Every structure is written in C-alpha cells, then in structure tokens.
Amino acid sequence: MPRTRDNFSKKVIRTLREQVSYRCSNPECRVITAAPGDTEDGVNRVGQAAHISAASPSGPRYDKNMSAKERASENNGIWLCNICAKKIDNSPSEYPVETLKNWKTTALRKAKSELGKPIPDEDYVVNVLSTAISGASYSSLPPQTAISNIHMAAAQGLSKKYPGFSFQTSYDSRGTKIHITPEYQEDLEFSFIAQNPEEATEQYFRLLRTGKPASFKIKSLKFGELDSLFQALNEEDATISIASQIKKDSIMKLGVIDDSSKPYFFDDIKGQCHLGTDGFFFEGSACSDIIIASTVIEKSGTTKESLNIRFDYSKWNDMPFRSLPYIRKLKSFSDKLMSSSKVTIDLEIEGLKVFEGQSNPNDFQRENLEIIELAWCAREVCVELDKEILFKLNDLSISDQNNIYKLYELLNFKRRKDLESEKSLEITFIADVYNLEEFNEMVRRPNTEVLINDHQQKYLEILGQKIEIPEITQIFKSVSAEIIEEITKDRTYRVHLKPLKGFEFWEGFNIKKNKKLIRKVNENN
C-alpha cells in the first residue's frame, strides 16, 4: 500500500519539541505543552509537531514541489500546542507558510536567549522595579519604603521628561493621580473640546460666579509643554474638573430642627469655601469623611442650592457591624434628619461667621439614610447574638436586609400592634397536649390567653453567614381556641386561634434581656 503522508520521525518530533523548550511557537501563545499527569508514563502532553507545508496532497499549505524527504524534515516542522495546531490547519489562508516560518524563527531565538534563565513569576516585575529603585529586593524592603520609593522614582522620571514642573503621584481605588506644580510663576494655557459644549459653558460661568467646581466630559485636551503627558493619560469619556484656587478654611455647624423639639446640633463639618464673584461654594466632611456636605451661598445671604448631604459608606466596607465607627452619632443624626423639615447652617470662614440660615436636605440623600438604619439594626443583632458579620454594602441583597430587620424586631419583646389591627388575622399552630381535659377546658373559655415557645431551630442568612434564631416567645391575649385536627395519636394537635375584643399579640426572642418582661406580660392577665 503506497504511503499517503510524509510523517515526522520520532527523532524530528523530539528535536522540534526540545528546541523551543516545550513551548508553543505561536508568539501570542507560548504555553508550556508538557507537565506531570496521570497518564501511563506520568506526563500530560498538550503539544504536537505540526507540518508547515502539509504532509499529504489534501492538507493545508501543500507544496507539490517539495520531496517526501523535505516534507518530513525538521525544516518543515513547527512545535505548537494542540489548540494552535488545529487553528492553523482550519484557517490556512490566515496562517500562510511565511507566517509559520516567522513564528518558528522567533520561537527558536527566544528559547536560545532564555536558556539558563529563570522564568519570571508574578513577583518578578515588582522585584526588578524595587531593586532598580532602591538597590534592594522587594522582600527585604519595608512596605512603606518600597511604596514611597516607587512614587519618588515616578515623580523624578516625569520631572526629567517635563522640565519646569514638579510631580507627585498617588494611587487609590479610583486610579492613579498625578499632581503637577509649575516651578516658575508663569501663565499656563490649555484648550479642550467638551462633549457637551453648552453644559461645559454653563458650569464654567457658574464656577466664576459661585466658586462651585466645574466637571464635565471632554473629547480632547491640549496642554502646551505637557501635551504629550495628557495625551498619554487621555481615555474615552475622560472628565476634566476645574476649581477656584481662591479658597479659605471653613467650618459649617449643622443642626436639625422640627416643630416639637429644640434644635439638635450634629457636628462641625470642616472644609473649604471656594470663592466666586457673586457667592461661594462650601464643601466639607466629618466623621473621618463618612459624611460629606456641600452648598452654594450667594452674597445676599441666601442658599443658592439645597444643602447636599451624602454618606460615603465605603469607609465601612469589611469592618464588623458591631464596631462600625461613628455609628451611634450617625444613627442619632439620621433619626433627626428623617423626621425634620429643616436643617440649620452656621458657616464660619477662618473663625468669622459669614452665614446663618436654614436649608432643606435633598430628597435623594434622605433615601440613603436607610443604610444607616440598616447598619444600626445589624449592629444590635451582632452584639446581642454575639455574631461577627462584616459590612459589605455592595453584597447586601434584599433578602439580607429583610432578615436583618426581622432579627432586630425580635430582639425586643413587644406588642405587635401592626398585626393586632388585622381583622382577618388567624393563627394556627401545632401543640403537644399533655392533659387533654385541661386543654379542652381552656379552649372552651370565651376569652383566654395562649403562650407559645417556638422550640424549632431555625436559621436566617445574612451576607452568606447563617444566624441561628433563639427561641421565640409569642403571647396571644383575648383569643378563642379551637382544636382543628389530631396530627398524631400521641397528643399532638393542630390548634386554631381567633382574635377577640381586646386582642393583644406580643412577640420576641426568649433571651435574658426579655425574660422579665415576658413574665410580667404573662402574669398581667
């Protein structure tokens, strides 16, 4: 039978494989194609010797001018992973002979240059950079020294490229920040094209009048000597912010008033006033930047915009609910803010009172106050039930929130007036009746009291953590009772309660703090 394929010999296959150190020759792949495995010889192979020009007439890139010896030679072979080998044969027009030969040449050159050198791991780049900056490896550097040295090197590199300016770099969750300061008192000119010119113009003139910073999206930015730097930083939908440099240290004293109580003074909001031609813009923060307040005040002494109060709850992320900073203070402020119609503002600039008035908190932030209420309820649950749950705002589901409120409600044994008003309320439960005659005598009374201790072990889940529910005590006053059916023959019955006039329903966890009240309610019949 005539041979139809000019296959590689075992020697050629071994040579092709070892010349590239078992790596795929595709420069965009370069995966290692052999590793320990559960095969018979203990090696898991994911590579193959592929023909550059096909081994048979029906194959991709077949060259009829080549001899059988040439087709089966090392020169016509390339080592690839199984995926890349299949890819080049399925799309031969995309991977012609010249491309594959270039791949092979590059792979051989890289393998030769890498011989005897360690393969870089995840820490390699960090180590090289740290050594270049400080002369010491990353592992031997104190973290604060390594970080400061990296920022210092970045700043010095930028200063060399852009003489006449000094730079400071920093990094946080929002990205890299570069603070640029001219070393000489000279005017700087820049130009930009806004995505929405009308909005940009309006915000710019508002900045001049009131001092409120302008912020809008731009298409492009030109900045003289620094133009190449800004072009490198340009991103799609980039935003430019412009703020007045005429600003003074300021303190806003916040208070809350309603019709029934004296003013409640929250705290000093420390910040700055940005001055404009017709007024000024104040922005400041309190409670370690958890609460942020801002407003625009005109020279006439009136607030141009409603007081904007917002909360940065990200400051609490990954902290235990039971030890959230400032939670008591913020809960008290939140309660007052939710029930009030006015907020008082006293504004001082460098110790001199410049404004006194009232403002309406914006409605959007009133909705956000619910997060403080939720955090407070979760805190009380964790403290009372001795649980350690971390605050994770973005992971809080509706189910988590409902479970937090449910547990909080049961922490305190109290009347459930919300259920007492339900006219059609009917209660059915299963009871173990030890003395049927006594029980029948009780249920025949026209007006009786029933105490239920729920012994079933139940769980509620909050942020992926199961919370075991303590025993729940329920007291129903002024009800009629009726046995509906016998569940088992060992004194277990389904009992139906129907509210009567004067009906009361009490419910809560049967825990130490509630036992005295439970006993008192039960005895007061």
Protein backbone atom coordinates (compact mmCIF):
# COMPACT_ATOMS: atom_id res chain seq x y z
CA MET A 1 0.00 0.00 0.00
CA PRO A 2 1.54 3.35 -1.04
CA ARG A 3 2.36 5.84 1.72
CA THR A 4 -0.03 8.86 1.59
CA ARG A 5 1.54 11.00 4.35
CA ASP A 6 5.11 12.13 4.88
CA ASN A 7 5.13 11.96 8.70
CA PHE A 8 7.87 13.13 11.04
CA SER A 9 10.16 10.60 12.66
CA LYS A 10 10.36 10.34 16.44
CA LYS A 11 13.79 11.99 16.29
CA VAL A 12 12.43 15.02 14.35
CA ILE A 13 9.47 15.36 16.74
CA ARG A 14 11.81 15.32 19.77
CA THR A 15 14.09 17.93 18.15
CA LEU A 16 11.19 20.29 17.28
CA ARG A 17 9.83 19.98 20.83
CA GLU A 18 13.09 20.45 22.70
CA GLN A 19 14.39 23.30 20.51
CA VAL A 20 11.59 25.56 21.81
CA SER A 21 11.72 24.25 25.41
CA TYR A 22 8.33 22.51 25.11
CA ARG A 23 6.62 25.88 24.46
CA CYS A 24 4.09 26.60 21.72
CA SER A 25 5.82 28.54 18.90
CA ASN A 26 2.90 30.94 18.40
CA PRO A 27 4.36 34.20 19.81
CA GLU A 28 0.93 35.17 21.18
CA CYS A 29 0.55 31.84 22.97
CA ARG A 30 3.86 30.29 24.15
CA VAL A 31 2.14 27.94 26.61
CA ILE A 32 4.15 25.06 28.09
CA THR A 33 2.97 21.83 26.44
CA ALA A 34 4.06 19.17 28.94
CA ALA A 35 3.59 18.67 32.68
CA PRO A 36 3.19 15.87 35.22
CA GLY A 37 -0.07 13.97 34.74
CA ASP A 38 -1.98 10.77 35.47
CA THR A 39 -1.07 9.13 32.15
CA GLU A 40 0.70 5.78 31.89
CA ASP A 41 4.13 7.40 31.61
CA GLY A 42 3.25 10.18 34.08
CA VAL A 43 3.32 13.02 31.52
CA ASN A 44 0.37 15.14 30.35
CA ARG A 45 1.09 16.39 26.81
CA VAL A 46 -0.84 19.19 25.06
CA GLY A 47 1.52 19.84 22.11
CA GLN A 48 2.36 18.39 18.69
CA ALA A 49 4.76 18.69 15.79
CA ALA A 50 2.80 20.37 13.00
CA HIS A 51 3.69 20.49 9.29
CA ILE A 52 4.31 23.95 7.86
CA SER A 53 3.58 22.58 4.37
CA ALA A 54 1.10 19.69 4.50
CA ALA A 55 2.27 16.09 4.73
CA SER A 56 -0.28 14.98 2.10
CA PRO A 57 -1.86 16.49 -1.07
CA SER A 58 -5.21 17.12 0.62
CA GLY A 59 -3.70 19.02 3.57
CA PRO A 60 -3.36 22.79 4.18
CA ARG A 61 -0.41 24.64 2.55
CA TYR A 62 0.64 21.56 0.49
CA ASP A 63 3.66 22.21 -1.74
CA LYS A 64 3.87 19.76 -4.67
CA ASN A 65 7.41 20.90 -5.43
CA MET A 66 8.72 19.51 -2.14
CA SER A 67 10.14 15.99 -1.95
CA ALA A 68 8.86 13.46 0.59
CA LYS A 69 12.14 13.82 2.49
CA GLU A 70 11.74 17.62 2.67
CA ARG A 71 8.12 17.32 3.91
CA ALA A 72 9.19 15.01 6.72
CA SER A 73 12.24 17.05 7.67
CA GLU A 74 12.87 19.25 10.69
CA ASN A 75 12.82 22.35 8.43
CA ASN A 76 9.14 21.74 7.56
CA GLY A 77 8.06 21.31 11.17
CA ILE A 78 6.91 23.68 13.94
CA TRP A 79 6.07 22.82 17.55
CA LEU A 80 2.61 24.08 18.61
CA CYS A 81 0.08 23.46 21.33
CA ASN A 82 -2.94 21.39 20.26
CA ILE A 83 -5.18 24.45 20.04
CA CYS A 84 -2.82 26.47 17.81
CA ALA A 85 -2.11 23.41 15.63
CA LYS A 86 -5.80 22.99 14.95
CA LYS A 87 -6.22 26.74 14.37
CA ILE A 88 -3.54 26.99 11.65
CA ASP A 89 -4.96 23.99 9.75
CA ASN A 90 -8.57 25.18 9.97
CA SER A 91 -7.65 28.63 8.57
CA PRO A 92 -4.65 28.11 6.25
CA SER A 93 -5.25 31.41 4.42
CA GLU A 94 -4.81 33.31 7.71
CA TYR A 95 -1.65 31.34 8.56
CA PRO A 96 0.45 31.02 5.37
CA VAL A 97 3.87 29.36 5.17
CA GLU A 98 5.79 32.60 5.71
CA THR A 99 3.87 33.39 8.92
CA LEU A 100 4.59 29.97 10.38
CA LYS A 101 8.28 30.21 9.44
CA ASN A 102 8.47 33.60 11.19
CA TRP A 103 6.81 32.07 14.26
CA LYS A 104 9.42 29.29 14.29
CA THR A 105 12.36 31.67 13.87
CA THR A 106 11.12 33.87 16.72
CA ALA A 107 10.46 30.88 18.99
CA LEU A 108 13.95 29.47 18.41
CA ARG A 109 15.55 32.86 19.12
CA LYS A 110 13.57 33.31 22.37
CA ALA A 111 14.35 29.80 23.55
CA LYS A 112 18.06 30.41 22.95
CA SER A 113 18.02 33.74 24.84
CA GLU A 114 16.07 32.22 27.76
CA LEU A 115 18.39 29.23 28.19
CA GLY A 116 19.66 29.07 31.77
CA LYS A 117 17.47 31.97 32.94
CA PRO A 118 14.65 31.76 35.50
CA ILE A 119 11.08 32.04 34.20
CA PRO A 120 9.54 35.27 35.60
CA ASP A 121 6.82 34.67 38.21
CA GLU A 122 4.13 37.05 39.49
CA ASP A 123 6.59 38.87 41.77
CA TYR A 124 9.33 39.23 39.17
CA VAL A 125 8.36 42.67 37.83
CA VAL A 126 7.87 44.04 41.36
CA ASN A 127 11.27 42.73 42.45
CA VAL A 128 13.08 44.15 39.42
CA LEU A 129 11.42 47.55 39.84
CA SER A 130 12.14 47.66 43.57
CA THR A 131 15.78 46.67 43.04
CA ALA A 132 16.20 49.31 40.35
CA ILE A 133 14.76 51.99 42.62
CA SER A 134 16.33 51.09 45.94
CA GLY A 135 19.11 48.58 45.32
CA ALA A 136 17.29 46.04 47.48
CA SER A 137 14.86 43.26 46.64
CA TYR A 138 11.18 43.79 47.32
CA SER A 139 11.09 41.14 50.03
CA SER A 140 13.79 42.92 52.05
CA LEU A 141 12.16 46.37 51.86
CA PRO A 142 9.72 47.69 54.47
CA PRO A 143 6.36 48.20 52.60
CA GLN A 144 6.26 51.95 53.30
CA THR A 145 9.81 52.38 51.91
CA ALA A 146 9.05 50.39 48.75
CA ILE A 147 5.88 52.34 48.02
CA SER A 148 7.41 55.77 48.66
CA ASN A 149 10.47 54.89 46.54
CA ILE A 150 8.27 53.83 43.62
CA HIS A 151 6.32 57.12 43.78
CA MET A 152 9.59 59.07 44.09
CA ALA A 153 11.05 57.33 41.04
CA ALA A 154 7.90 58.04 39.02
CA ALA A 155 7.97 61.74 40.02
CA GLN A 156 11.68 62.10 39.16
CA GLY A 157 11.17 60.40 35.82
CA LEU A 158 8.33 62.78 34.92
CA SER A 159 10.38 65.81 36.03
CA LYS A 160 13.25 64.80 33.74
CA LYS A 161 10.90 64.41 30.80
CA TYR A 162 8.99 67.63 31.54
CA PRO A 163 11.49 70.18 32.99
CA GLY A 164 9.96 73.21 34.69
CA PHE A 165 7.34 71.14 36.56
CA SER A 166 7.38 69.08 39.75
CA PHE A 167 5.22 65.98 40.14
CA GLN A 168 3.64 63.95 42.92
CA THR A 169 1.96 60.61 42.24
CA SER A 170 -0.50 58.63 44.33
CA TYR A 171 -2.81 55.68 43.82
CA ASP A 172 -6.16 54.68 45.32
CA SER A 173 -9.22 52.66 44.33
CA ARG A 174 -10.20 55.32 41.77
CA GLY A 175 -6.88 55.07 39.89
CA THR A 176 -3.56 56.91 39.58
CA LYS A 177 -3.36 60.62 40.48
CA ILE A 178 -0.62 62.97 39.24
CA HIS A 179 -0.33 66.36 40.93
CA ILE A 180 1.57 68.83 38.71
CA THR A 181 3.05 72.11 40.00
CA PRO A 182 4.86 74.70 37.82
CA GLU A 183 8.28 75.57 39.26
CA TYR A 184 8.00 79.14 37.93
CA GLN A 185 5.21 81.70 38.18
CA GLU A 186 4.11 81.67 34.59
CA ASP A 187 0.73 81.59 32.89
CA LEU A 188 -0.28 78.19 31.59
CA GLU A 189 -2.62 77.81 28.66
CA PHE A 190 -4.64 74.75 27.78
CA SER A 191 -7.54 74.01 25.50
CA PHE A 192 -10.11 71.24 25.32
CA ILE A 193 -13.15 70.16 23.35
CA ALA A 194 -16.13 69.27 25.57
CA GLN A 195 -18.55 66.53 24.66
CA ASN A 196 -21.40 68.87 25.59
CA PRO A 197 -20.24 72.48 24.95
CA GLU A 198 -23.41 74.09 26.35
CA GLU A 199 -23.12 72.21 29.64
CA ALA A 200 -19.39 72.99 29.90
CA THR A 201 -20.00 76.71 29.28
CA GLU A 202 -22.77 76.84 31.88
CA GLN A 203 -20.63 75.10 34.50
CA TYR A 204 -17.62 77.33 33.78
CA PHE A 205 -19.56 80.58 34.29
CA ARG A 206 -21.17 79.11 37.40
CA LEU A 207 -17.63 78.46 38.69
CA LEU A 208 -16.77 82.13 38.16
CA ARG A 209 -19.98 83.34 39.87
CA THR A 210 -20.30 80.94 42.81
CA GLY A 211 -16.94 79.16 43.13
CA LYS A 212 -18.56 75.73 42.61
CA PRO A 213 -16.10 73.48 40.73
CA ALA A 214 -16.94 72.55 37.15
CA SER A 215 -16.73 68.95 35.98
CA PHE A 216 -17.61 67.67 32.51
CA LYS A 217 -16.59 65.08 29.93
CA ILE A 218 -14.18 66.04 27.15
CA LYS A 219 -13.22 64.70 23.73
CA SER A 220 -9.64 66.02 23.67
CA LEU A 221 -7.19 68.16 25.67
CA LYS A 222 -4.18 70.28 24.62
CA PHE A 223 -1.78 71.47 27.32
CA GLY A 224 1.32 73.08 25.83
CA GLU A 225 4.56 71.55 27.08
CA LEU A 226 2.65 68.83 28.92
CA ASP A 227 0.59 67.91 25.89
CA SER A 228 2.26 64.52 25.36
CA LEU A 229 1.65 63.60 29.02
CA PHE A 230 -2.05 64.44 28.83
CA GLN A 231 -2.40 62.63 25.52
CA ALA A 232 -0.96 59.53 27.17
CA LEU A 233 -3.45 59.87 30.03
CA ASN A 234 -6.41 60.56 27.76
CA GLU A 235 -9.13 57.97 27.88
CA GLU A 236 -12.50 57.66 26.24
CA ASP A 237 -15.07 59.68 28.21
CA ALA A 238 -12.29 61.43 30.17
CA THR A 239 -13.50 64.06 32.64
CA ILE A 240 -11.89 67.43 33.39
CA SER A 241 -12.52 69.24 36.69
CA ILE A 242 -11.75 72.93 37.23
CA ALA A 243 -11.81 74.52 40.70
CA SER A 244 -11.20 78.01 42.04
CA GLN A 245 -7.88 78.45 43.84
CA ILE A 246 -9.35 81.31 45.89
CA LYS A 247 -10.41 79.28 48.91
CA LYS A 248 -10.49 79.61 52.69
CA ASP A 249 -10.57 77.10 55.54
CA SER A 250 -14.14 76.96 56.83
CA ILE A 251 -16.39 75.23 59.35
CA MET A 252 -20.09 74.53 58.87
CA LYS A 253 -22.08 73.87 62.05
CA LEU A 254 -25.04 71.62 61.22
CA GLY A 255 -28.24 71.46 63.23
CA VAL A 256 -31.67 69.88 62.74
CA ILE A 257 -34.98 71.40 63.86
CA ASP A 258 -38.61 70.28 63.85
CA ASP A 259 -41.84 71.61 65.35
CA SER A 260 -41.70 69.64 68.57
CA SER A 261 -38.16 69.87 69.93
CA LYS A 262 -35.18 72.11 70.46
CA PRO A 263 -32.53 72.31 67.73
CA TYR A 264 -30.25 69.28 67.56
CA PHE A 265 -26.65 70.19 66.74
CA PHE A 266 -24.80 67.42 64.92
CA ASP A 267 -21.16 68.36 64.44
CA ASP A 268 -18.63 70.67 62.83
CA ILE A 269 -18.23 69.96 59.13
CA LYS A 270 -14.66 71.00 58.35
CA GLY A 271 -13.81 72.00 54.79
CA GLN A 272 -13.17 74.92 52.46
CA CYS A 273 -15.10 77.73 50.82
CA HIS A 274 -14.31 78.34 47.14
CA LEU A 275 -14.97 81.99 46.42
CA GLY A 276 -16.70 83.40 43.34
CA THR A 277 -17.77 86.87 42.20
CA ASP A 278 -21.35 86.54 43.49
CA GLY A 279 -21.06 83.94 46.28
CA PHE A 280 -19.12 80.93 47.41
CA PHE A 281 -19.27 77.14 47.40
CA PHE A 282 -18.67 75.17 50.60
CA GLU A 283 -17.70 71.51 50.78
CA GLY A 284 -16.51 69.67 53.86
CA SER A 285 -16.65 66.41 55.75
CA ALA A 286 -16.99 64.94 59.22
CA CYS A 287 -16.69 61.55 60.94
CA SER A 288 -13.50 60.66 59.04
CA ASP A 289 -15.06 61.60 55.69
CA ILE A 290 -18.09 59.31 56.12
CA ILE A 291 -20.42 62.31 55.94
CA ILE A 292 -19.90 64.97 53.26
CA ALA A 293 -21.85 68.23 52.97
CA SER A 294 -21.87 70.94 50.31
CA THR A 295 -23.93 74.00 49.37
CA VAL A 296 -23.74 77.23 47.36
CA ILE A 297 -24.38 80.53 49.23
CA GLU A 298 -24.93 83.86 47.49
CA LYS A 299 -23.56 87.19 48.68
CA SER A 300 -27.13 88.21 49.55
CA GLY A 301 -27.07 85.61 52.34
CA THR A 302 -29.38 83.03 50.76
CA THR A 303 -28.59 79.46 49.78
CA LYS A 304 -28.47 79.10 46.03
CA GLU A 305 -28.81 75.31 46.22
CA SER A 306 -30.29 72.90 48.76
CA LEU A 307 -27.83 71.52 51.26
CA ASN A 308 -26.40 68.33 49.82
CA ILE A 309 -25.60 65.74 52.48
CA ARG A 310 -24.19 62.41 51.37
CA PHE A 311 -22.59 59.47 53.09
CA ASP A 312 -19.56 57.52 51.89
CA TYR A 313 -20.41 54.09 53.26
CA SER A 314 -17.39 52.54 51.53
CA LYS A 315 -15.39 53.65 54.59
CA TRP A 316 -17.17 50.86 56.50
CA ASN A 317 -16.53 48.06 54.00
CA ASP A 318 -15.07 44.89 55.55
CA MET A 319 -15.49 46.26 59.10
CA PRO A 320 -17.56 44.27 61.65
CA PHE A 321 -21.09 45.63 62.06
CA ARG A 322 -20.67 45.61 65.84
CA SER A 323 -17.74 48.07 65.73
CA LEU A 324 -18.57 50.48 62.87
CA PRO A 325 -17.01 53.89 63.69
CA TYR A 326 -19.38 56.80 64.40
CA ILE A 327 -22.47 54.56 64.03
CA ARG A 328 -24.17 55.88 67.21
CA LYS A 329 -23.58 59.50 66.22
CA LEU A 330 -24.75 58.96 62.65
CA LYS A 331 -27.82 56.99 63.81
CA SER A 332 -28.86 59.88 66.06
CA PHE A 333 -28.31 62.40 63.25
CA SER A 334 -30.14 60.17 60.75
CA ASP A 335 -33.19 59.85 63.02
CA LYS A 336 -33.40 63.63 63.42
CA LEU A 337 -32.84 64.24 59.73
CA MET A 338 -35.55 61.78 58.66
CA SER A 339 -38.16 63.40 60.90
CA SER A 340 -37.24 67.06 60.35
CA SER A 341 -38.11 69.53 57.65
CA LYS A 342 -35.24 71.98 58.14
CA VAL A 343 -31.51 71.94 58.66
CA THR A 344 -29.76 74.90 60.29
CA ILE A 345 -26.46 76.11 58.89
CA ASP A 346 -23.86 78.32 60.60
CA LEU A 347 -20.83 78.91 58.40
CA GLU A 348 -17.54 80.32 59.64
CA ILE A 349 -14.59 81.30 57.43
CA GLU A 350 -11.35 81.44 59.39
CA GLY A 351 -13.32 81.94 62.64
CA LEU A 352 -15.64 84.68 61.31
CA LYS A 353 -19.34 83.81 60.95
CA VAL A 354 -20.39 84.71 57.41
CA PHE A 355 -23.72 82.91 57.10
CA GLU A 356 -26.60 81.76 59.27
CA GLY A 357 -29.71 80.19 57.81
CA GLN A 358 -31.77 77.13 57.03
CA SER A 359 -31.87 74.64 54.18
CA ASN A 360 -33.81 71.59 53.02
CA PRO A 361 -31.84 68.32 52.84
CA ASN A 362 -32.08 66.90 49.35
CA ASP A 363 -34.56 64.04 48.97
CA PHE A 364 -32.07 61.65 47.39
CA GLN A 365 -29.89 61.68 50.46
CA ARG A 366 -32.88 61.12 52.73
CA GLU A 367 -33.32 57.76 50.99
CA ASN A 368 -29.67 56.93 51.63
CA LEU A 369 -30.19 57.38 55.37
CA GLU A 370 -31.83 53.95 55.31
CA ILE A 371 -28.33 52.43 55.08
CA ILE A 372 -27.51 53.92 58.49
CA GLU A 373 -30.72 52.45 59.91
CA LEU A 374 -29.87 49.05 58.43
CA ALA A 375 -26.29 49.19 59.75
CA TRP A 376 -27.56 50.10 63.23
CA CYS A 377 -30.05 47.19 63.26
CA ALA A 378 -27.33 44.78 62.09
CA ARG A 379 -25.01 46.09 64.78
CA GLU A 380 -27.58 45.44 67.52
CA VAL A 381 -28.23 41.94 66.18
CA CYS A 382 -24.49 41.11 66.11
CA VAL A 383 -23.92 42.46 69.63
CA GLU A 384 -26.92 40.69 71.20
CA LEU A 385 -26.42 37.35 69.40
CA ASP A 386 -22.60 37.56 69.57
CA LYS A 387 -22.02 37.33 65.81
CA GLU A 388 -19.14 38.67 63.73
CA ILE A 389 -20.51 39.82 60.35
CA LEU A 390 -18.62 42.24 58.10
CA PHE A 391 -20.23 45.26 56.44
CA LYS A 392 -20.24 44.74 52.65
CA LEU A 393 -22.50 47.32 51.07
CA ASN A 394 -22.33 46.03 47.50
CA ASP A 395 -23.13 42.45 48.59
CA LEU A 396 -26.22 43.31 50.68
CA SER A 397 -29.22 41.69 49.00
CA ILE A 398 -32.89 42.47 49.64
CA SER A 399 -33.11 39.15 51.47
CA ASP A 400 -30.18 40.15 53.72
CA GLN A 401 -31.86 43.46 54.54
CA ASN A 402 -35.20 41.81 55.34
CA ASN A 403 -33.51 39.26 57.59
CA ILE A 404 -31.61 41.99 59.47
CA TYR A 405 -34.82 43.92 60.14
CA LYS A 406 -36.66 40.73 61.16
CA LEU A 407 -33.98 39.76 63.70
CA TYR A 408 -33.83 43.31 65.03
CA GLU A 409 -37.61 43.32 65.57
CA LEU A 410 -37.39 40.11 67.62
CA LEU A 411 -34.55 41.38 69.83
CA ASN A 412 -37.07 43.30 71.92
CA PHE A 413 -40.15 41.55 73.30
CA LYS A 414 -43.03 43.91 72.46
CA ARG A 415 -46.60 44.24 71.26
CA ARG A 416 -47.11 43.73 67.53
CA LYS A 417 -49.78 46.38 67.07
CA ASP A 418 -49.29 46.14 63.31
CA LEU A 419 -50.76 42.63 63.42
CA GLU A 420 -53.39 43.39 66.06
CA SER A 421 -55.16 45.68 63.61
CA GLU A 422 -55.59 42.87 61.07
CA LYS A 423 -59.30 41.99 61.22
CA SER A 424 -58.89 38.68 59.41
CA LEU A 425 -55.86 37.56 61.45
CA GLU A 426 -55.96 33.83 62.14
CA ILE A 427 -53.26 31.85 63.95
CA THR A 428 -52.76 28.11 63.54
CA PHE A 429 -50.11 26.13 65.41
CA ILE A 430 -49.25 22.56 66.39
CA ALA A 431 -49.25 21.77 70.11
CA ASP A 432 -48.23 18.82 72.27
CA VAL A 433 -51.16 18.43 74.72
CA TYR A 434 -50.16 16.54 77.84
CA ASN A 435 -53.57 16.87 79.58
CA LEU A 436 -56.39 16.83 77.06
CA GLU A 437 -59.11 17.56 79.64
CA GLU A 438 -57.29 20.66 80.88
CA PHE A 439 -56.68 21.81 77.33
CA ASN A 440 -60.32 21.34 76.34
CA GLU A 441 -61.38 23.33 79.38
CA MET A 442 -59.06 26.15 78.32
CA VAL A 443 -60.20 26.30 74.71
CA ARG A 444 -63.88 26.35 75.77
CA ARG A 445 -63.32 29.67 77.56
CA PRO A 446 -64.70 32.60 75.55
CA ASN A 447 -61.64 34.75 76.33
CA THR A 448 -58.30 33.12 77.02
CA GLU A 449 -54.53 33.68 76.79
CA VAL A 450 -52.05 31.47 74.95
CA LEU A 451 -48.24 31.48 75.35
CA ILE A 452 -46.20 29.73 72.65
CA ASN A 453 -42.48 28.95 72.88
CA ASP A 454 -41.16 28.01 69.46
CA HIS A 455 -38.50 25.35 70.10
CA GLN A 456 -37.71 24.66 66.45
CA GLN A 457 -34.15 25.51 65.48
CA LYS A 458 -34.34 27.95 62.59
CA TYR A 459 -31.72 29.90 60.68
CA LEU A 460 -31.65 33.16 58.79
CA GLU A 461 -28.82 34.05 56.42
CA ILE A 462 -27.06 37.44 56.34
CA LEU A 463 -24.25 38.04 53.82
CA GLY A 464 -23.68 34.32 53.43
CA GLN A 465 -23.49 33.62 57.18
CA LYS A 466 -26.13 31.51 58.89
CA ILE A 467 -27.60 33.08 62.04
CA GLU A 468 -29.23 30.66 64.48
CA ILE A 469 -32.50 32.09 65.74
CA PRO A 470 -33.04 31.86 69.53
CA GLU A 471 -36.30 30.52 70.91
CA ILE A 472 -39.21 32.84 70.07
CA THR A 473 -41.93 33.53 72.63
CA GLN A 474 -45.41 34.60 71.48
CA ILE A 475 -48.25 35.63 73.80
CA PHE A 476 -51.81 35.93 72.45
CA LYS A 477 -54.32 37.65 74.75
CA SER A 478 -58.09 37.65 74.32
CA VAL A 479 -58.41 34.84 71.82
CA SER A 480 -60.69 31.85 71.34
CA ALA A 481 -59.01 28.50 70.71
CA GLU A 482 -60.24 25.51 68.75
CA ILE A 483 -58.67 22.12 68.05
CA ILE A 484 -58.86 21.58 64.30
CA GLU A 485 -57.39 18.10 63.98
CA GLU A 486 -55.30 15.48 65.71
CA ILE A 487 -51.91 15.25 63.99
CA THR A 488 -50.66 12.13 65.73
CA LYS A 489 -52.07 9.74 68.26
CA ASP A 490 -49.50 10.81 70.86
CA ARG A 491 -51.30 14.04 71.92
CA THR A 492 -50.18 16.35 69.01
CA TYR A 493 -52.96 18.62 67.71
CA ARG A 494 -53.40 21.45 65.23
CA VAL A 495 -54.92 24.41 67.13
CA HIS A 496 -56.63 27.48 65.64
CA LEU A 497 -56.74 30.86 67.48
CA LYS A 498 -59.16 33.65 66.61
CA PRO A 499 -58.72 37.20 67.94
CA LEU A 500 -61.50 38.64 70.14
CA LYS A 501 -62.18 42.11 71.50
CA GLY A 502 -59.16 43.42 73.43
CA PHE A 503 -56.79 41.17 71.46
CA GLU A 504 -53.07 41.66 72.13
CA PHE A 505 -50.12 39.96 70.42
CA TRP A 506 -46.63 40.02 71.98
CA GLU A 507 -43.56 38.53 70.35
CA GLY A 508 -39.77 38.41 70.78
CA PHE A 509 -36.73 36.28 71.45
CA ASN A 510 -36.79 34.36 74.72
CA ILE A 511 -33.40 35.75 75.73
CA LYS A 512 -32.10 37.05 79.05
CA LYS A 513 -32.93 40.73 78.46
CA ASN A 514 -36.58 39.89 77.63
CA LYS A 515 -37.40 37.28 80.31
CA LYS A 516 -38.58 39.79 82.94
CA LEU A 517 -40.97 41.50 80.51
CA ILE A 518 -42.25 38.14 79.20
CA ARG A 519 -43.05 37.08 82.78
CA LYS A 520 -44.75 40.38 83.52
CA VAL A 521 -46.91 40.29 80.38
CA ASN A 522 -47.83 36.66 81.00
CA GLU A 523 -48.86 37.33 84.63
CA ASN A 524 -50.81 40.51 83.85
CA ASN A 525 -53.94 38.80 82.54
